[in-house]
Amino acid sequence: MANEVKLPRLGQGMESGSIVKWLKSEGDQVAKGEPLFEIDTDKVTQEVESDFAGVLLKIALQSGDAPVGQTIAWIGEQGEEIKDAPKEKPKEDKASKDDKAPKDEAPKDEAPKDEKVSDTTGGGRIKASPLARRIARERGVDLSAVRGTGPDGRIIAEDVERGESTTRAPAAVPTGEVESVPLTNIRKTIARRLTAAWEAPVFQLTVSADMTRANELIARARESRPDVRVTVTDLLAKLCAVALMRHRDVNVQFADDELLKFPTANVGIAVAAPQGLIVPVLRSVERQSLAELATARGELVGRARENKLTTQDLEGGTFTISNLGMYGIEQFIAVLNPPQAAILAVGATADTPVARGGAVEVRPIMTMTLTVDHRAVDGAAGADFLRTVKQLVEDPALAL
């Protein structure tokens, strides 16, 4: 009997998901553990591996939403009949369908022939369907910056409409034209969680730290391990983790009628990915070396920007760091990342005149602002934690 492929539950609280695309076609051989399809949840878009080996006999849901547990395909032996499989509707001849379509309407982009078109910037040739090409031309989208999800990487209309382009062609959008871009599940989650964050009673604390010794430590780490690029964010993650272990009342999650205190520091790193702001989590940071953290952080950020994170990569965080220093931002306030109780906003390091021993010296100064959920952490506790972070930043040897 053919095996039913059901929509999986990828994390706690997941009730439904949206199939983005299938990585196998009907009739293809599938190995157990081989990527079968991509699913979009409220947290991440990720590949789902097959639980069965055999032939992909039938796909019941090509794309779209489905509840957890719904049968979406069958895998079995070649030629095996599928019990209770839905009858497929007869397909209308595409040519006749296109002939019937009004001239001012574009035909559906279901199975167009691949068409090679010139890159709008003149940098080579790419594959795109006729409808995708038309939409890109009308909206001024540079097809070279769009990731194609069709066969052999062909760009289809949905790719253009999903807004996966990171740049725009020089063509200007006509005055008065409004483009409607549906929210993805991830963007809806971002909106929902940020709204919840603004409803929390928070307070902010700000300190400035001398980065002289921290910069020296980072330089030595890069010299000793040239194959691993240690960054300020890596060092801050380590120092904050050590501080969290000394101030465990800050290493918590607020869960309505209880506080969840964690025995280890799982530090989230805010990443601006194409699909939106996401926070992958580095686990047990206090136990890792700088080189280990740099390697893990680089791998996580890379997968985040390639949209290849799993649900597990985003769960279990106890604290978050948001660093905008690389953009030249000197100071900012980060929005809380519920259910975590605190988030640290990190600005750029700038040479600043400071008074020391009755003389003025120029020192590399970095500003940090801690946003804290007052329901979970009191002001004095938050201030004490941030004081420890400042001390460790100015003298990292105290933590290593």
Protein backbone atom coordinates (compact mmCIF):
# COMPACT_ATOMS: atom_id res chain seq x y z
CA MET A 1 0.00 0.00 0.00
CA ALA A 2 1.29 3.44 -0.91
CA ASN A 3 2.60 5.59 1.93
CA GLU A 4 0.79 8.85 2.62
CA VAL A 5 2.96 11.95 2.85
CA LYS A 6 1.37 14.26 5.41
CA LEU A 7 2.08 17.89 6.20
CA PRO A 8 4.47 17.68 9.19
CA ARG A 9 4.46 19.60 12.43
CA LEU A 10 7.83 21.37 12.50
CA GLY A 11 7.56 23.10 15.84
CA GLN A 12 5.44 23.68 18.90
CA GLY A 13 2.26 25.57 18.16
CA MET A 14 2.38 24.90 14.41
CA GLU A 15 -1.14 24.17 13.15
CA SER A 16 -0.71 24.71 9.42
CA GLY A 17 1.85 25.43 6.73
CA SER A 18 2.08 26.52 3.13
CA ILE A 19 3.75 24.39 0.48
CA VAL A 20 6.07 26.61 -1.56
CA LYS A 21 7.27 24.09 -4.13
CA TRP A 22 7.99 20.41 -4.67
CA LEU A 23 11.58 19.34 -5.19
CA LYS A 24 10.46 16.12 -6.89
CA SER A 25 7.92 15.53 -9.66
CA GLU A 26 5.35 12.77 -9.98
CA GLY A 27 7.09 9.62 -11.18
CA ASP A 28 10.46 10.55 -9.69
CA GLN A 29 12.36 8.11 -7.50
CA VAL A 30 12.67 9.32 -3.91
CA ALA A 31 15.15 8.14 -1.29
CA LYS A 32 14.36 8.19 2.41
CA GLY A 33 15.81 11.36 3.92
CA GLU A 34 15.99 13.13 0.55
CA PRO A 35 14.54 16.68 0.37
CA LEU A 36 11.00 16.35 -0.98
CA PHE A 37 9.33 19.77 -0.79
CA GLU A 38 9.65 23.26 0.71
CA ILE A 39 7.20 24.49 3.32
CA ASP A 40 6.57 28.01 4.60
CA THR A 41 5.61 28.22 8.28
CA ASP A 42 5.06 31.25 10.47
CA LYS A 43 8.74 31.11 11.42
CA VAL A 44 10.80 29.96 8.46
CA THR A 45 10.78 28.41 5.00
CA GLN A 46 12.57 25.08 5.01
CA GLU A 47 13.02 21.86 3.09
CA VAL A 48 11.22 18.74 4.33
CA GLU A 49 12.84 15.35 3.88
CA SER A 50 10.97 12.25 2.80
CA ASP A 51 10.11 9.65 5.44
CA PHE A 52 9.74 6.99 2.75
CA ALA A 53 11.65 5.51 -0.18
CA GLY A 54 9.97 4.76 -3.47
CA VAL A 55 8.30 6.55 -6.36
CA LEU A 56 6.40 9.83 -5.91
CA LEU A 57 3.12 8.47 -7.25
CA LYS A 58 0.92 11.52 -6.87
CA ILE A 59 1.00 15.05 -5.47
CA ALA A 60 -2.34 16.03 -3.95
CA LEU A 61 -1.40 19.65 -3.18
CA GLN A 62 1.02 21.37 -5.54
CA SER A 63 1.17 24.58 -3.48
CA GLY A 64 -0.77 26.54 -0.90
CA ASP A 65 -1.94 26.18 2.69
CA ALA A 66 -2.83 22.96 4.47
CA PRO A 67 -3.37 21.92 8.10
CA VAL A 68 -0.85 19.75 9.89
CA GLY A 69 -1.57 16.08 9.18
CA GLN A 70 -3.27 16.55 5.81
CA THR A 71 -2.21 14.08 3.12
CA ILE A 72 -0.37 15.99 0.41
CA ALA A 73 1.19 13.15 -1.64
CA TRP A 74 1.74 9.40 -1.94
CA ILE A 75 4.98 7.42 -2.25
CA GLY A 76 5.04 3.77 -3.19
CA GLU A 77 6.02 1.24 -5.84
CA GLN A 78 5.96 2.08 -9.54
CA GLY A 79 2.47 1.52 -10.95
CA GLU A 80 0.89 1.01 -7.53
CA GLU A 81 -2.70 2.22 -7.22
CA ILE A 82 -3.54 4.84 -4.65
CA LYS A 83 -6.55 4.24 -2.47
CA ASP A 84 -8.89 7.22 -1.99
CA ALA A 85 -6.76 9.50 -4.16
CA PRO A 86 -8.72 12.52 -5.45
CA LYS A 87 -9.66 12.36 -9.09
CA GLU A 88 -7.69 14.77 -11.23
CA LYS A 89 -9.69 17.31 -13.16
CA PRO A 90 -9.27 17.19 -16.94
CA LYS A 91 -6.77 19.74 -18.16
CA GLU A 92 -7.86 22.29 -20.71
CA ASP A 93 -5.71 22.69 -23.78
CA LYS A 94 -3.40 25.62 -23.04
CA ALA A 95 -3.34 26.94 -26.57
CA SER A 96 -7.12 27.15 -26.81
CA LYS A 97 -7.27 28.60 -23.30
CA ASP A 98 -4.83 31.35 -24.25
CA ASP A 99 -6.84 32.10 -27.37
CA LYS A 100 -9.97 32.60 -25.27
CA ALA A 101 -8.26 34.91 -22.78
CA PRO A 102 -9.04 38.63 -23.15
CA LYS A 103 -6.22 40.59 -24.73
CA ASP A 104 -5.75 42.73 -21.65
CA GLU A 105 -5.26 39.69 -19.41
CA ALA A 106 -2.08 37.61 -19.20
CA PRO A 107 -2.44 33.81 -19.44
CA LYS A 108 -1.74 31.81 -16.30
CA ASP A 109 1.89 31.01 -15.76
CA GLU A 110 1.32 27.29 -15.12
CA ALA A 111 3.46 25.54 -17.69
CA PRO A 112 5.04 28.04 -20.08
CA LYS A 113 8.01 27.13 -22.19
CA ASP A 114 11.36 28.29 -20.97
CA GLU A 115 12.36 31.48 -22.68
CA LYS A 116 15.84 32.90 -22.50
CA VAL A 117 15.74 36.63 -22.10
CA SER A 118 18.47 39.22 -21.86
CA ASP A 119 19.38 40.45 -18.43
CA THR A 120 17.92 43.95 -17.99
CA THR A 121 21.32 45.13 -16.86
CA GLY A 122 23.07 43.56 -19.83
CA GLY A 123 25.01 41.04 -17.76
CA GLY A 124 24.29 37.70 -19.43
CA ARG A 125 21.20 35.68 -20.24
CA ILE A 126 18.70 34.14 -17.84
CA LYS A 127 15.65 31.88 -18.06
CA ALA A 128 12.23 33.37 -17.44
CA SER A 129 8.67 32.65 -18.54
CA PRO A 130 6.91 35.16 -20.83
CA LEU A 131 4.53 36.26 -18.07
CA ALA A 132 7.37 36.70 -15.57
CA ARG A 133 9.21 38.80 -18.15
CA ARG A 134 6.14 40.98 -18.70
CA ILE A 135 5.53 41.55 -14.98
CA ALA A 136 9.20 42.36 -14.42
CA ARG A 137 9.15 44.88 -17.26
CA GLU A 138 5.97 46.56 -15.98
CA ARG A 139 7.22 46.79 -12.39
CA GLY A 140 10.81 47.67 -13.15
CA VAL A 141 12.20 44.50 -11.55
CA ASP A 142 15.71 43.37 -12.43
CA LEU A 143 15.34 39.68 -13.33
CA SER A 144 19.02 39.03 -12.64
CA ALA A 145 18.29 39.63 -8.94
CA VAL A 146 15.31 37.24 -8.79
CA ARG A 147 15.70 33.62 -7.65
CA GLY A 148 13.82 31.31 -10.00
CA THR A 149 11.83 28.42 -8.52
CA GLY A 150 10.67 26.87 -11.79
CA PRO A 151 12.28 23.89 -13.57
CA ASP A 152 16.06 24.33 -13.97
CA GLY A 153 15.85 27.60 -12.04
CA ARG A 154 13.45 29.25 -14.48
CA ILE A 155 11.86 32.45 -13.16
CA ILE A 156 8.06 32.32 -13.11
CA ALA A 157 5.53 35.05 -12.40
CA GLU A 158 5.16 34.04 -8.76
CA ASP A 159 8.88 34.62 -8.18
CA VAL A 160 8.60 38.20 -9.42
CA GLU A 161 5.40 38.89 -7.48
CA ARG A 162 6.85 37.47 -4.28
CA GLY A 163 9.25 40.36 -4.31
CA GLU A 164 12.41 38.28 -4.18
CA SER A 165 14.26 40.85 -6.22
CA THR A 166 16.84 42.73 -4.18
CA THR A 167 17.41 45.47 -6.74
CA ARG A 168 15.34 47.39 -9.22
CA ALA A 169 15.97 48.13 -12.86
CA PRO A 170 16.33 51.77 -13.89
CA ALA A 171 12.80 51.80 -15.33
CA ALA A 172 10.59 53.95 -13.10
CA VAL A 173 7.24 52.76 -11.78
CA PRO A 174 4.43 54.81 -13.36
CA THR A 175 3.20 57.65 -11.16
CA GLY A 176 0.19 56.70 -9.08
CA GLU A 177 0.64 52.93 -9.45
CA VAL A 178 0.30 51.05 -6.15
CA GLU A 179 1.70 47.57 -5.87
CA SER A 180 0.02 45.13 -3.50
CA VAL A 181 2.46 42.62 -2.00
CA PRO A 182 0.77 39.87 0.08
CA LEU A 183 2.41 39.20 3.43
CA THR A 184 4.32 35.95 3.72
CA ASN A 185 3.81 33.78 6.79
CA ILE A 186 7.18 34.94 8.12
CA ARG A 187 6.28 38.62 7.63
CA LYS A 188 2.93 38.05 9.38
CA THR A 189 4.77 36.50 12.31
CA ILE A 190 7.19 39.43 12.46
CA ALA A 191 4.25 41.86 12.54
CA ARG A 192 2.45 39.87 15.23
CA ARG A 193 5.48 39.50 17.48
CA LEU A 194 6.55 43.13 17.15
CA THR A 195 3.04 44.22 18.06
CA ALA A 196 3.22 42.02 21.15
CA ALA A 197 6.63 43.50 21.96
CA TRP A 198 5.28 47.06 21.91
CA GLU A 199 2.49 46.02 24.29
CA ALA A 200 5.04 44.88 26.88
CA PRO A 201 6.04 47.41 29.61
CA VAL A 202 9.72 47.84 28.79
CA PHE A 203 12.51 50.13 29.95
CA GLN A 204 15.86 50.98 28.38
CA LEU A 205 19.33 51.32 29.87
CA THR A 206 22.32 52.76 28.01
CA VAL A 207 26.07 52.58 28.65
CA SER A 208 29.21 53.38 26.67
CA ALA A 209 32.21 51.05 26.73
CA ASP A 210 35.86 51.52 25.85
CA MET A 211 36.60 48.96 23.10
CA THR A 212 40.42 49.20 23.27
CA ARG A 213 41.02 45.79 24.86
CA ALA A 214 38.12 44.16 23.05
CA ASN A 215 39.52 45.26 19.68
CA GLU A 216 42.96 43.98 20.64
CA LEU A 217 41.49 40.60 21.60
CA ILE A 218 39.59 40.34 18.30
CA ALA A 219 42.76 41.20 16.37
CA ARG A 220 44.74 38.50 18.21
CA ALA A 221 41.97 35.96 17.62
CA ARG A 222 42.04 36.67 13.89
CA GLU A 223 45.84 36.34 13.79
CA SER A 224 45.80 33.01 15.60
CA ARG A 225 42.95 31.64 13.48
CA PRO A 226 43.10 33.34 10.05
CA ASP A 227 40.64 30.76 8.72
CA VAL A 228 37.95 32.03 11.13
CA ARG A 229 36.82 35.66 11.10
CA VAL A 230 35.97 36.64 14.67
CA THR A 231 33.72 39.72 14.89
CA VAL A 232 32.55 42.15 17.54
CA THR A 233 29.20 40.33 17.57
CA ASP A 234 30.95 37.04 18.38
CA LEU A 235 32.80 38.60 21.31
CA LEU A 236 29.64 40.32 22.57
CA ALA A 237 27.71 37.05 22.38
CA LYS A 238 30.37 35.37 24.51
CA LEU A 239 30.57 38.20 27.05
CA CYS A 240 26.78 38.53 27.33
CA ALA A 241 26.50 34.78 27.86
CA VAL A 242 29.01 34.93 30.70
CA ALA A 243 27.10 37.88 32.20
CA LEU A 244 23.80 36.00 31.88
CA MET A 245 25.27 33.10 33.84
CA ARG A 246 26.16 35.57 36.60
CA HIS A 247 22.74 37.24 36.43
CA ARG A 248 20.39 34.33 35.83
CA ASP A 249 17.32 36.46 36.59
CA VAL A 250 17.88 38.11 33.20
CA ASN A 251 18.32 34.81 31.34
CA VAL A 252 14.57 34.17 31.32
CA GLN A 253 11.47 34.01 29.17
CA PHE A 254 8.18 35.59 30.24
CA ALA A 255 5.31 33.10 29.89
CA ASP A 256 2.19 34.93 31.12
CA ASP A 257 1.86 33.47 34.63
CA GLU A 258 5.41 32.16 35.05
CA LEU A 259 9.06 32.90 34.33
CA LEU A 260 11.16 30.25 32.61
CA LYS A 261 14.75 30.37 33.89
CA PHE A 262 17.28 28.67 31.65
CA PRO A 263 20.47 26.91 32.82
CA THR A 264 22.40 27.98 29.71
CA ALA A 265 22.66 31.10 27.57
CA ASN A 266 21.12 30.67 24.13
CA VAL A 267 21.91 33.93 22.36
CA GLY A 268 19.93 35.02 19.32
CA ILE A 269 21.62 37.12 16.63
CA ALA A 270 19.30 39.47 14.71
CA VAL A 271 19.85 39.00 10.96
CA ALA A 272 18.42 41.10 8.15
CA ALA A 273 17.55 38.34 5.67
CA PRO A 274 15.71 38.72 2.33
CA GLN A 275 12.55 37.23 3.83
CA GLY A 276 12.61 39.63 6.79
CA LEU A 277 14.26 40.11 10.18
CA ILE A 278 14.95 36.74 11.78
CA VAL A 279 16.85 35.69 14.90
CA PRO A 280 18.74 32.39 14.66
CA VAL A 281 20.00 31.10 18.00
CA LEU A 282 23.52 30.19 19.13
CA ARG A 283 23.21 27.61 21.91
CA SER A 284 25.18 27.28 25.16
CA VAL A 285 27.31 30.24 24.18
CA GLU A 286 29.04 30.48 27.57
CA ARG A 287 30.71 27.11 26.89
CA GLN A 288 32.13 27.95 23.46
CA SER A 289 35.40 29.57 22.41
CA LEU A 290 35.48 32.67 20.22
CA ALA A 291 36.56 30.60 17.21
CA GLU A 292 33.74 28.12 17.76
CA LEU A 293 31.23 30.95 18.09
CA ALA A 294 32.50 32.70 14.96
CA THR A 295 32.19 29.49 12.96
CA ALA A 296 28.69 28.73 14.26
CA ARG A 297 27.54 32.32 13.80
CA GLY A 298 28.87 32.51 10.24
CA GLU A 299 27.14 29.25 9.32
CA LEU A 300 23.83 30.35 10.86
CA VAL A 301 23.86 33.79 9.24
CA GLY A 302 24.75 32.26 5.89
CA ARG A 303 21.83 29.84 6.04
CA ALA A 304 19.54 32.65 7.20
CA ARG A 305 20.37 34.75 4.15
CA GLU A 306 19.94 31.73 1.88
CA ASN A 307 16.55 30.99 3.48
CA LYS A 308 17.72 27.57 4.66
CA LEU A 309 17.13 27.80 8.42
CA THR A 310 15.06 25.18 10.19
CA THR A 311 12.48 25.79 12.91
CA GLN A 312 14.94 24.43 15.48
CA ASP A 313 17.43 27.18 14.53
CA LEU A 314 14.96 29.81 15.74
CA GLU A 315 13.65 28.29 18.97
CA GLY A 316 14.86 28.39 22.56
CA GLY A 317 16.59 31.78 22.61
CA THR A 318 17.04 33.42 26.02
CA PHE A 319 18.66 36.71 24.96
CA THR A 320 19.16 38.64 21.71
CA ILE A 321 21.87 40.90 20.29
CA SER A 322 21.08 43.35 17.50
CA ASN A 323 24.21 44.97 16.07
CA LEU A 324 23.81 47.86 13.61
CA GLY A 325 27.33 49.17 14.08
CA MET A 326 28.35 48.01 10.60
CA TYR A 327 25.82 50.50 9.21
CA GLY A 328 27.38 53.40 11.08
CA ILE A 329 24.51 53.64 13.57
CA GLU A 330 25.87 55.09 16.79
CA GLN A 331 22.95 54.30 19.10
CA PHE A 332 19.45 52.84 18.81
CA ILE A 333 16.74 51.07 20.78
CA ALA A 334 15.98 47.48 19.77
CA VAL A 335 12.46 46.09 20.00
CA LEU A 336 12.00 43.27 22.51
CA ASN A 337 12.02 39.72 21.10
CA PRO A 338 9.21 37.95 23.05
CA PRO A 339 9.13 35.77 25.05
CA GLN A 340 12.71 36.76 25.88
CA ALA A 341 13.08 39.36 28.61
CA ALA A 342 15.97 41.40 27.20
CA ILE A 343 17.68 42.49 23.97
CA LEU A 344 20.94 44.41 23.54
CA ALA A 345 21.23 47.06 20.80
CA VAL A 346 24.84 47.65 19.74
CA GLY A 347 26.06 50.75 17.91
CA ALA A 348 29.21 51.55 15.97
CA THR A 349 32.58 51.98 17.62
CA ALA A 350 33.82 55.56 17.15
CA ASP A 351 36.96 57.40 18.22
CA THR A 352 35.76 59.68 21.00
CA PRO A 353 37.52 62.19 23.29
CA VAL A 354 37.27 61.03 26.90
CA ALA A 355 38.68 62.42 30.16
CA ARG A 356 41.15 60.11 31.92
CA GLY A 357 43.35 61.10 34.84
CA GLY A 358 42.83 64.79 34.25
CA ALA A 359 43.74 64.54 30.55
CA VAL A 360 41.71 64.15 27.39
CA GLU A 361 42.36 61.01 25.35
CA VAL A 362 40.81 59.64 22.19
CA ARG A 363 39.39 56.18 22.72
CA PRO A 364 37.28 53.74 20.62
CA ILE A 365 33.89 53.99 22.32
CA MET A 366 30.84 51.80 21.64
CA THR A 367 27.32 52.49 22.93
CA MET A 368 25.01 49.67 24.07
CA THR A 369 21.32 49.99 24.94
CA LEU A 370 19.51 47.24 26.81
CA THR A 371 15.73 46.91 26.38
CA VAL A 372 14.14 44.94 29.22
CA ASP A 373 10.67 43.53 29.87
CA HIS A 374 9.75 45.03 33.24
CA ARG A 375 7.28 42.20 33.91
CA ALA A 376 10.19 39.78 34.12
CA VAL A 377 13.19 41.85 35.21
CA ASP A 378 13.38 44.73 37.68
CA GLY A 379 15.31 47.91 36.90
CA ALA A 380 18.10 47.26 39.39
CA ALA A 381 18.61 43.71 38.08
CA GLY A 382 18.78 44.96 34.50
CA ALA A 383 21.22 47.72 35.44
CA ASP A 384 23.44 45.28 37.33
CA PHE A 385 23.54 42.94 34.34
CA LEU A 386 24.44 45.74 31.91
CA ARG A 387 27.15 46.97 34.28
CA THR A 388 28.69 43.50 34.16
CA VAL A 389 28.53 43.45 30.36
CA LYS A 390 30.32 46.83 30.25
CA GLN A 391 33.02 45.59 32.64
CA LEU A 392 33.59 42.48 30.52
CA VAL A 393 33.72 44.46 27.27
CA GLU A 394 36.33 46.82 28.71
CA ASP A 395 38.34 43.91 30.15
CA PRO A 396 37.43 40.67 28.28
CA ALA A 397 40.06 38.72 30.20
CA LEU A 398 37.61 38.72 33.14
CA ALA A 399 35.35 36.44 31.13
CA LEU A 400 37.76 34.22 29.20
